[in-house]
Amino acid sequence: MTRSRFEDEHDILRLSHKYAVALDTGNADLLREVFWEDSSWSTSELAGSRGHKEILQLPARLAAAFSQTHHAIQPQHCEVSDTSAVGVTYCFAYHFTKQDFITPGRGTIDLSYNQMIRYDDRYEFRSGEWKILTRHLNVMFRRLEPVLPYALADRPAPEASVPEAESLLPKEQRSR
């Protein structure tokens, strides 16, 4: 069966949404669905990651540095050619943290470290599916701003309001 250009573009553009959900929920299994085993992830500011072993550590690295993250995927564009494609994806990334830098032990401040990101991607179609082959993260701007404390309230992992959506959560957070 021949795939249409629309199907290819749809499948490719969905990868960035899965990537965002995987990072924000700490779901390395979902992230595995986005990258090939021999894929690479890079940025000019941090050491890059090659292969599943390193790339699948990204959610844990974010969780170690921030109390929450939210990656909001913005406009995307890709050009498809048979079994390869190139694309660009824009993203607003919000990284929430608490800082105690005024008077240690007396003045915790809730902050959001925000970035406007452009991902430059290469994709490959193998074994009937598209995945990211290379992803390069370009930070276009950053902003640090205070946020209201309730935005960072300690709360349990989000519960899926639609039973099928629970599969997006990491296994240890699922109710079944």
C-alpha atoms as a PDB file:
ATOM      1  CA  MET A   1       0.000   0.000   0.000  1.00  0.00           C
ATOM      2  CA  THR A   2       1.392   3.386  -0.985  1.00  0.00           C
ATOM      3  CA  ARG A   3       1.438   6.065   1.672  1.00  0.00           C
ATOM      4  CA  SER A   4       0.274   9.564   0.866  1.00  0.00           C
ATOM      5  CA  ARG A   5       2.370  12.650   1.486  1.00  0.00           C
ATOM      6  CA  PHE A   6      -0.286  13.753   3.988  1.00  0.00           C
ATOM      7  CA  GLU A   7       0.099  10.497   5.985  1.00  0.00           C
ATOM      8  CA  ASP A   8       3.878  10.838   6.014  1.00  0.00           C
ATOM      9  CA  GLU A   9       3.776  14.464   7.153  1.00  0.00           C
ATOM     10  CA  HIS A  10       1.167  13.674   9.812  1.00  0.00           C
ATOM     11  CA  ASP A  11       3.221  10.802  11.238  1.00  0.00           C
ATOM     12  CA  ILE A  12       6.401  12.897  11.230  1.00  0.00           C
ATOM     13  CA  LEU A  13       4.824  15.921  12.904  1.00  0.00           C
ATOM     14  CA  ARG A  14       3.253  13.710  15.616  1.00  0.00           C
ATOM     15  CA  LEU A  15       6.741  12.691  16.731  1.00  0.00           C
ATOM     16  CA  SER A  16       7.386  16.107  18.300  1.00  0.00           C
ATOM     17  CA  HIS A  17       4.161  15.877  20.287  1.00  0.00           C
ATOM     18  CA  LYS A  18       5.138  12.433  21.597  1.00  0.00           C
ATOM     19  CA  TYR A  19       8.583  13.823  22.413  1.00  0.00           C
ATOM     20  CA  ALA A  20       7.036  16.656  24.456  1.00  0.00           C
ATOM     21  CA  VAL A  21       4.713  14.324  26.378  1.00  0.00           C
ATOM     22  CA  ALA A  22       7.581  11.902  27.025  1.00  0.00           C
ATOM     23  CA  LEU A  23       9.795  14.659  28.461  1.00  0.00           C
ATOM     24  CA  ASP A  24       7.024  16.220  30.555  1.00  0.00           C
ATOM     25  CA  THR A  25       5.803  12.911  32.033  1.00  0.00           C
ATOM     26  CA  GLY A  26       9.232  11.307  32.400  1.00  0.00           C
ATOM     27  CA  ASN A  27       8.175   8.484  30.071  1.00  0.00           C
ATOM     28  CA  ALA A  28      11.321   6.991  28.536  1.00  0.00           C
ATOM     29  CA  ASP A  29       9.268   4.200  26.924  1.00  0.00           C
ATOM     30  CA  LEU A  30       7.292   6.773  24.939  1.00  0.00           C
ATOM     31  CA  LEU A  31      10.524   8.553  24.014  1.00  0.00           C
ATOM     32  CA  ARG A  32      11.809   5.234  22.613  1.00  0.00           C
ATOM     33  CA  GLU A  33       8.959   5.414  20.063  1.00  0.00           C
ATOM     34  CA  VAL A  34      10.287   8.754  18.770  1.00  0.00           C
ATOM     35  CA  PHE A  35      13.970   7.941  18.105  1.00  0.00           C
ATOM     36  CA  TRP A  36      15.746   5.154  16.222  1.00  0.00           C
ATOM     37  CA  GLU A  37      18.240   3.121  18.222  1.00  0.00           C
ATOM     38  CA  ASP A  38      21.071   4.835  16.293  1.00  0.00           C
ATOM     39  CA  SER A  39      19.585   8.366  16.526  1.00  0.00           C
ATOM     40  CA  SER A  40      21.342  11.408  17.935  1.00  0.00           C
ATOM     41  CA  TRP A  41      20.147  14.431  19.928  1.00  0.00           C
ATOM     42  CA  SER A  42      22.323  17.536  20.214  1.00  0.00           C
ATOM     43  CA  THR A  43      22.469  21.141  21.281  1.00  0.00           C
ATOM     44  CA  SER A  44      25.239  23.678  21.094  1.00  0.00           C
ATOM     45  CA  GLU A  45      25.066  24.175  24.881  1.00  0.00           C
ATOM     46  CA  LEU A  46      25.217  20.632  26.298  1.00  0.00           C
ATOM     47  CA  ALA A  47      26.902  17.367  25.488  1.00  0.00           C
ATOM     48  CA  GLY A  48      24.914  15.498  22.844  1.00  0.00           C
ATOM     49  CA  SER A  49      23.325  12.077  23.159  1.00  0.00           C
ATOM     50  CA  ARG A  50      23.739   9.149  20.790  1.00  0.00           C
ATOM     51  CA  GLY A  51      21.592   6.055  20.668  1.00  0.00           C
ATOM     52  CA  HIS A  52      18.723   4.943  22.888  1.00  0.00           C
ATOM     53  CA  LYS A  53      20.893   4.402  25.955  1.00  0.00           C
ATOM     54  CA  GLU A  54      21.800   8.112  26.134  1.00  0.00           C
ATOM     55  CA  ILE A  55      18.689   9.703  24.582  1.00  0.00           C
ATOM     56  CA  LEU A  56      16.333   7.829  26.916  1.00  0.00           C
ATOM     57  CA  GLN A  57      18.073   9.530  29.863  1.00  0.00           C
ATOM     58  CA  LEU A  58      16.735  12.954  28.798  1.00  0.00           C
ATOM     59  CA  PRO A  59      13.492  12.738  30.876  1.00  0.00           C
ATOM     60  CA  ALA A  60      15.466  11.758  33.999  1.00  0.00           C
ATOM     61  CA  ARG A  61      17.959  14.588  33.421  1.00  0.00           C
ATOM     62  CA  LEU A  62      15.104  17.099  33.239  1.00  0.00           C
ATOM     63  CA  ALA A  63      13.408  15.631  36.326  1.00  0.00           C
ATOM     64  CA  ALA A  64      16.667  15.920  38.279  1.00  0.00           C
ATOM     65  CA  ALA A  65      17.018  19.603  37.396  1.00  0.00           C
ATOM     66  CA  PHE A  66      13.395  20.822  37.500  1.00  0.00           C
ATOM     67  CA  SER A  67      10.240  20.129  39.501  1.00  0.00           C
ATOM     68  CA  GLN A  68       8.092  20.198  36.335  1.00  0.00           C
ATOM     69  CA  THR A  69       8.432  20.895  32.645  1.00  0.00           C
ATOM     70  CA  HIS A  70       5.960  21.794  29.931  1.00  0.00           C
ATOM     71  CA  HIS A  71       6.954  21.651  26.259  1.00  0.00           C
ATOM     72  CA  ALA A  72       4.375  23.404  24.080  1.00  0.00           C
ATOM     73  CA  ILE A  73       4.856  22.455  20.437  1.00  0.00           C
ATOM     74  CA  GLN A  74       4.384  25.365  18.040  1.00  0.00           C
ATOM     75  CA  PRO A  75       4.488  25.541  14.207  1.00  0.00           C
ATOM     76  CA  GLN A  76       6.154  22.683  12.400  1.00  0.00           C
ATOM     77  CA  HIS A  77       7.193  22.086   8.806  1.00  0.00           C
ATOM     78  CA  CYS A  78       8.754  19.115   7.036  1.00  0.00           C
ATOM     79  CA  GLU A  79       9.819  18.149   3.533  1.00  0.00           C
ATOM     80  CA  VAL A  80       9.432  14.447   2.728  1.00  0.00           C
ATOM     81  CA  SER A  81      11.417  12.480   0.154  1.00  0.00           C
ATOM     82  CA  ASP A  82      10.685   8.733  -0.043  1.00  0.00           C
ATOM     83  CA  THR A  83      12.270   7.301   3.124  1.00  0.00           C
ATOM     84  CA  SER A  84      13.856  10.460   4.524  1.00  0.00           C
ATOM     85  CA  ALA A  85      12.675  13.897   5.553  1.00  0.00           C
ATOM     86  CA  VAL A  86      13.939  17.121   7.082  1.00  0.00           C
ATOM     87  CA  GLY A  87      11.958  19.395   9.313  1.00  0.00           C
ATOM     88  CA  VAL A  88      11.838  22.245  11.765  1.00  0.00           C
ATOM     89  CA  THR A  89       9.741  22.405  14.936  1.00  0.00           C
ATOM     90  CA  TYR A  90       9.282  25.404  17.222  1.00  0.00           C
ATOM     91  CA  CYS A  91       8.595  24.907  20.922  1.00  0.00           C
ATOM     92  CA  PHE A  92       8.038  27.002  24.035  1.00  0.00           C
ATOM     93  CA  ALA A  93       9.655  25.062  26.882  1.00  0.00           C
ATOM     94  CA  TYR A  94       8.829  25.937  30.481  1.00  0.00           C
ATOM     95  CA  HIS A  95      11.080  24.537  33.221  1.00  0.00           C
ATOM     96  CA  PHE A  96       9.819  25.074  36.778  1.00  0.00           C
ATOM     97  CA  THR A  97      12.095  25.205  39.789  1.00  0.00           C
ATOM     98  CA  LYS A  98      12.399  26.612  43.277  1.00  0.00           C
ATOM     99  CA  GLN A  99      15.426  28.739  44.125  1.00  0.00           C
ATOM    100  CA  ASP A 100      16.659  29.728  47.560  1.00  0.00           C
ATOM    101  CA  PHE A 101      19.233  32.345  46.659  1.00  0.00           C
ATOM    102  CA  ILE A 102      18.211  35.375  48.725  1.00  0.00           C
ATOM    103  CA  THR A 103      18.673  34.101  52.278  1.00  0.00           C
ATOM    104  CA  PRO A 104      19.364  30.373  52.562  1.00  0.00           C
ATOM    105  CA  GLY A 105      16.450  28.675  54.282  1.00  0.00           C
ATOM    106  CA  ARG A 106      14.269  31.798  54.368  1.00  0.00           C
ATOM    107  CA  GLY A 107      13.299  32.858  50.895  1.00  0.00           C
ATOM    108  CA  THR A 108      12.434  30.153  48.380  1.00  0.00           C
ATOM    109  CA  ILE A 109      11.196  31.626  45.117  1.00  0.00           C
ATOM    110  CA  ASP A 110       9.262  29.691  42.462  1.00  0.00           C
ATOM    111  CA  LEU A 111      10.717  30.350  39.025  1.00  0.00           C
ATOM    112  CA  SER A 112      10.052  29.367  35.449  1.00  0.00           C
ATOM    113  CA  TYR A 113      13.059  29.102  33.145  1.00  0.00           C
ATOM    114  CA  ASN A 114      11.492  29.563  29.719  1.00  0.00           C
ATOM    115  CA  GLN A 115      13.019  28.937  26.328  1.00  0.00           C
ATOM    116  CA  MET A 116      11.920  29.440  22.746  1.00  0.00           C
ATOM    117  CA  ILE A 117      13.405  26.460  20.936  1.00  0.00           C
ATOM    118  CA  ARG A 118      13.814  25.529  17.292  1.00  0.00           C
ATOM    119  CA  TYR A 119      14.470  21.837  16.649  1.00  0.00           C
ATOM    120  CA  ASP A 120      16.206  21.020  13.363  1.00  0.00           C
ATOM    121  CA  ASP A 121      15.360  17.410  12.557  1.00  0.00           C
ATOM    122  CA  ARG A 122      16.160  14.629  10.126  1.00  0.00           C
ATOM    123  CA  TYR A 123      13.749  11.711   9.941  1.00  0.00           C
ATOM    124  CA  GLU A 124      13.902   8.231   8.440  1.00  0.00           C
ATOM    125  CA  PHE A 125      11.203   5.778   7.414  1.00  0.00           C
ATOM    126  CA  ARG A 126      12.160   2.206   8.382  1.00  0.00           C
ATOM    127  CA  SER A 127      10.117  -0.943   8.940  1.00  0.00           C
ATOM    128  CA  GLY A 128       6.895   0.891   8.148  1.00  0.00           C
ATOM    129  CA  GLU A 129       7.296   3.863  10.496  1.00  0.00           C
ATOM    130  CA  TRP A 130       8.881   7.303  10.759  1.00  0.00           C
ATOM    131  CA  LYS A 131      11.216   8.254  13.611  1.00  0.00           C
ATOM    132  CA  ILE A 132      13.693  11.027  14.313  1.00  0.00           C
ATOM    133  CA  LEU A 133      17.220  10.230  13.136  1.00  0.00           C
ATOM    134  CA  THR A 134      18.838  13.478  14.328  1.00  0.00           C
ATOM    135  CA  ARG A 135      17.442  16.312  16.449  1.00  0.00           C
ATOM    136  CA  HIS A 136      19.405  19.503  17.098  1.00  0.00           C
ATOM    137  CA  LEU A 137      18.023  21.882  19.724  1.00  0.00           C
ATOM    138  CA  ASN A 138      18.609  25.598  19.062  1.00  0.00           C
ATOM    139  CA  VAL A 139      17.735  28.017  21.873  1.00  0.00           C
ATOM    140  CA  MET A 140      16.383  31.195  20.282  1.00  0.00           C
ATOM    141  CA  PHE A 141      15.828  33.059  23.559  1.00  0.00           C
ATOM    142  CA  ARG A 142      15.530  32.474  27.303  1.00  0.00           C
ATOM    143  CA  ARG A 143      13.648  34.169  30.048  1.00  0.00           C
ATOM    144  CA  LEU A 144      13.608  33.606  33.805  1.00  0.00           C
ATOM    145  CA  GLU A 145      10.511  34.760  35.622  1.00  0.00           C
ATOM    146  CA  PRO A 146       8.838  34.297  38.989  1.00  0.00           C
ATOM    147  CA  VAL A 147       5.649  32.235  39.056  1.00  0.00           C
ATOM    148  CA  LEU A 148       2.852  31.888  41.574  1.00  0.00           C
ATOM    149  CA  PRO A 149       3.590  29.156  44.131  1.00  0.00           C
ATOM    150  CA  TYR A 150       0.495  27.101  43.330  1.00  0.00           C
ATOM    151  CA  ALA A 151       1.841  26.510  39.830  1.00  0.00           C
ATOM    152  CA  LEU A 152       4.507  24.321  41.418  1.00  0.00           C
ATOM    153  CA  ALA A 153       2.408  22.754  44.169  1.00  0.00           C
ATOM    154  CA  ASP A 154       3.522  19.289  45.133  1.00  0.00           C
ATOM    155  CA  ARG A 155       0.888  17.026  43.725  1.00  0.00           C
ATOM    156  CA  PRO A 156       0.608  13.432  42.614  1.00  0.00           C
ATOM    157  CA  ALA A 157       1.259  12.485  39.027  1.00  0.00           C
ATOM    158  CA  PRO A 158      -1.534  13.570  36.689  1.00  0.00           C
ATOM    159  CA  GLU A 159      -4.368  11.101  36.408  1.00  0.00           C
ATOM    160  CA  ALA A 160      -5.667  10.348  32.964  1.00  0.00           C
ATOM    161  CA  SER A 161      -9.277  11.452  32.570  1.00  0.00           C
ATOM    162  CA  VAL A 162      -9.641   9.204  29.527  1.00  0.00           C
ATOM    163  CA  PRO A 163      -8.716   5.580  30.311  1.00  0.00           C
ATOM    164  CA  GLU A 164      -6.819   5.157  27.028  1.00  0.00           C
ATOM    165  CA  ALA A 165      -4.669   8.214  27.817  1.00  0.00           C
ATOM    166  CA  GLU A 166      -3.228   6.426  30.822  1.00  0.00           C
ATOM    167  CA  SER A 167      -0.911   4.547  28.446  1.00  0.00           C
ATOM    168  CA  LEU A 168       1.000   7.839  27.997  1.00  0.00           C
ATOM    169  CA  LEU A 169       2.044   7.859  31.652  1.00  0.00           C
ATOM    170  CA  PRO A 170       5.163   6.004  32.794  1.00  0.00           C
ATOM    171  CA  LYS A 171       4.315   2.451  33.876  1.00  0.00           C
ATOM    172  CA  GLU A 172       4.895   3.175  37.567  1.00  0.00           C
ATOM    173  CA  GLN A 173       2.277   5.973  37.484  1.00  0.00           C
ATOM    174  CA  ARG A 174      -0.506   3.918  35.879  1.00  0.00           C
ATOM    175  CA  SER A 175      -3.398   2.820  38.063  1.00  0.00           C
ATOM    176  CA  ARG A 176      -3.640  -0.653  36.511  1.00  0.00           C
END
